[in-house]
Amino acid sequence: MRRTFTLLVIFCWLFLPSCSKDVFKRYEKRIIGIWHITDVKRIGIGGDTKELTFQDGTFQFSENGGLTYTDLAGNKYSGSWDIVKKTSSEQVTQSLQITAVDFNTQLVQTQYYDDLAFTGTDHFKATINSTTHTYVTHFRR
């Protein structure tokens, strides 16, 4: 018994300090910072990724719910973001709503992601579910 306890203490001492503490943070805190869309995938029948509002570019999510979006052409948008936690009888999901406006052209861009999942400190994916297909957008720091 004493040997097992000693091994457990050594394991915790060696490996836990190197682990990221992000998994303990709320999604609203983890998303703060600069993120780039690195990939958009379509799964299922029908649909086209060109239908999506945000296919590329960089987002800067601020702590106050504000955001700045810059597309690949260099156009800048200002807007807001919101994460909503949904609980059903079987699971808990986080949804993400993004709205951005180019005040020069008055163009409004908005997207609702049905599910948001962090897969690491520097990566999350946002999913849009449709009846016959799903879009998965990958964001990286």
Protein backbone atom coordinates (compact mmCIF):
# COMPACT_ATOMS: atom_id res chain seq x y z
CA MET A 1 0.00 0.00 0.00
CA ARG A 2 2.77 2.40 0.92
CA ARG A 3 4.58 1.67 -2.35
CA THR A 4 1.43 2.44 -4.39
CA PHE A 5 0.99 5.73 -2.56
CA THR A 6 4.64 6.66 -3.15
CA LEU A 7 4.33 5.90 -6.87
CA LEU A 8 1.14 7.96 -7.07
CA VAL A 9 2.85 10.95 -5.41
CA ILE A 10 5.83 10.70 -7.77
CA PHE A 11 3.53 10.47 -10.81
CA CYS A 12 1.57 13.54 -9.75
CA TRP A 13 4.72 15.48 -8.98
CA LEU A 14 6.24 14.70 -12.40
CA PHE A 15 3.29 14.98 -14.74
CA LEU A 16 0.65 17.33 -13.35
CA PRO A 17 2.76 20.53 -13.45
CA SER A 18 3.26 20.03 -17.19
CA CYS A 19 -0.45 19.63 -17.91
CA SER A 20 -2.50 22.58 -19.07
CA LYS A 21 -4.97 23.98 -16.55
CA ASP A 22 -7.23 25.18 -19.39
CA VAL A 23 -9.50 22.17 -19.02
CA PHE A 24 -10.65 23.64 -15.70
CA LYS A 25 -11.54 27.02 -17.20
CA ARG A 26 -14.98 27.91 -18.49
CA TYR A 27 -15.35 28.12 -22.28
CA GLU A 28 -15.90 31.88 -21.98
CA LYS A 29 -12.37 32.21 -20.57
CA ARG A 30 -10.70 29.67 -22.87
CA ILE A 31 -11.84 31.40 -26.07
CA ILE A 32 -10.25 34.76 -25.17
CA GLY A 33 -7.43 35.61 -27.58
CA ILE A 34 -6.56 35.40 -31.27
CA TRP A 35 -7.77 32.40 -33.30
CA HIS A 36 -7.36 31.52 -36.99
CA ILE A 37 -9.69 29.34 -39.03
CA THR A 38 -7.45 26.56 -40.30
CA ASP A 39 -9.95 24.17 -41.87
CA VAL A 40 -13.63 23.78 -42.69
CA LYS A 41 -15.01 20.32 -43.40
CA ARG A 42 -18.38 19.15 -44.64
CA ILE A 43 -19.66 15.78 -43.49
CA GLY A 44 -22.75 14.17 -45.04
CA ILE A 45 -24.87 14.64 -48.14
CA GLY A 46 -25.36 17.99 -49.88
CA GLY A 47 -24.29 21.44 -48.84
CA ASP A 48 -21.16 23.36 -49.72
CA THR A 49 -18.64 25.06 -47.44
CA LYS A 50 -18.96 28.17 -49.64
CA GLU A 51 -22.38 28.68 -48.01
CA LEU A 52 -20.74 29.40 -44.67
CA THR A 53 -20.29 32.93 -43.45
CA PHE A 54 -16.83 32.39 -41.98
CA GLN A 55 -14.55 30.17 -44.08
CA ASP A 56 -11.19 31.76 -43.31
CA GLY A 57 -9.65 34.65 -41.45
CA THR A 58 -8.69 35.63 -37.93
CA PHE A 59 -10.82 36.29 -34.86
CA GLN A 60 -9.81 38.19 -31.77
CA PHE A 61 -12.22 37.31 -28.96
CA SER A 62 -12.24 39.86 -26.14
CA GLU A 63 -13.17 39.18 -22.54
CA ASN A 64 -16.09 41.64 -22.67
CA GLY A 65 -17.87 39.70 -25.45
CA GLY A 66 -16.51 41.88 -28.25
CA LEU A 67 -14.61 40.59 -31.24
CA THR A 68 -12.62 41.70 -34.22
CA TYR A 69 -12.69 39.58 -37.38
CA THR A 70 -10.26 40.05 -40.28
CA ASP A 71 -10.86 38.12 -43.49
CA LEU A 72 -8.09 37.04 -45.88
CA ALA A 73 -8.60 40.17 -48.00
CA GLY A 74 -7.79 42.34 -44.97
CA ASN A 75 -11.34 43.60 -44.37
CA LYS A 76 -11.95 44.27 -40.68
CA TYR A 77 -15.22 43.60 -38.89
CA SER A 78 -16.22 44.46 -35.33
CA GLY A 79 -18.86 42.63 -33.42
CA SER A 80 -19.74 40.36 -30.55
CA TRP A 81 -19.70 36.73 -29.49
CA ASP A 82 -21.66 34.70 -26.98
CA ILE A 83 -21.38 31.16 -25.68
CA VAL A 84 -24.54 29.49 -24.39
CA LYS A 85 -24.49 26.28 -22.38
CA LYS A 86 -27.30 23.86 -23.24
CA THR A 87 -28.19 20.90 -21.06
CA SER A 88 -30.32 18.04 -22.28
CA SER A 89 -31.14 14.82 -20.49
CA GLU A 90 -28.21 13.09 -22.20
CA GLN A 91 -25.48 15.68 -22.65
CA VAL A 92 -24.20 19.21 -22.19
CA THR A 93 -23.24 21.28 -25.24
CA GLN A 94 -21.86 24.78 -25.71
CA SER A 95 -23.11 26.85 -28.65
CA LEU A 96 -21.32 29.87 -30.12
CA GLN A 97 -22.99 32.90 -31.73
CA ILE A 98 -20.77 35.31 -33.70
CA THR A 99 -21.92 38.60 -35.23
CA ALA A 100 -19.52 40.96 -37.03
CA VAL A 101 -20.11 44.19 -38.96
CA ASP A 102 -17.89 45.98 -41.49
CA PHE A 103 -18.78 49.58 -40.69
CA ASN A 104 -17.33 50.82 -44.00
CA THR A 105 -19.63 48.69 -46.17
CA GLN A 106 -22.35 48.01 -43.57
CA LEU A 107 -22.00 44.29 -44.32
CA VAL A 108 -23.20 42.12 -41.43
CA GLN A 109 -21.76 38.62 -40.97
CA THR A 110 -23.34 36.25 -38.47
CA GLN A 111 -22.94 32.57 -37.70
CA TYR A 112 -24.46 30.24 -35.14
CA TYR A 113 -22.46 27.15 -34.22
CA ASP A 114 -24.54 24.38 -32.62
CA ASP A 115 -21.63 22.86 -30.74
CA LEU A 116 -18.26 24.12 -29.57
CA ALA A 117 -15.54 21.76 -28.33
CA PHE A 118 -12.01 22.53 -27.19
CA THR A 119 -9.66 19.74 -28.20
CA GLY A 120 -6.58 21.33 -26.65
CA THR A 121 -5.18 24.60 -25.40
CA ASP A 122 -4.61 25.87 -28.93
CA HIS A 123 -7.45 24.21 -30.86
CA PHE A 124 -11.23 24.17 -30.85
CA LYS A 125 -13.83 23.09 -33.34
CA ALA A 126 -17.23 24.59 -33.93
CA THR A 127 -19.97 22.49 -35.54
CA ILE A 128 -23.03 23.48 -37.55
CA ASN A 129 -25.63 20.73 -37.85
CA SER A 130 -28.04 20.59 -40.76
CA THR A 131 -30.54 17.90 -41.66
CA THR A 132 -28.34 16.02 -44.14
CA HIS A 133 -24.87 17.37 -43.42
CA THR A 134 -22.60 18.90 -40.81
CA TYR A 135 -19.93 21.58 -41.10
CA VAL A 136 -16.94 21.48 -38.77
CA THR A 137 -14.78 24.61 -38.53
CA HIS A 138 -11.35 24.24 -36.89
CA PHE A 139 -9.80 27.19 -35.05
CA ARG A 140 -6.17 27.40 -33.88
CA ARG A 141 -4.17 29.99 -31.96
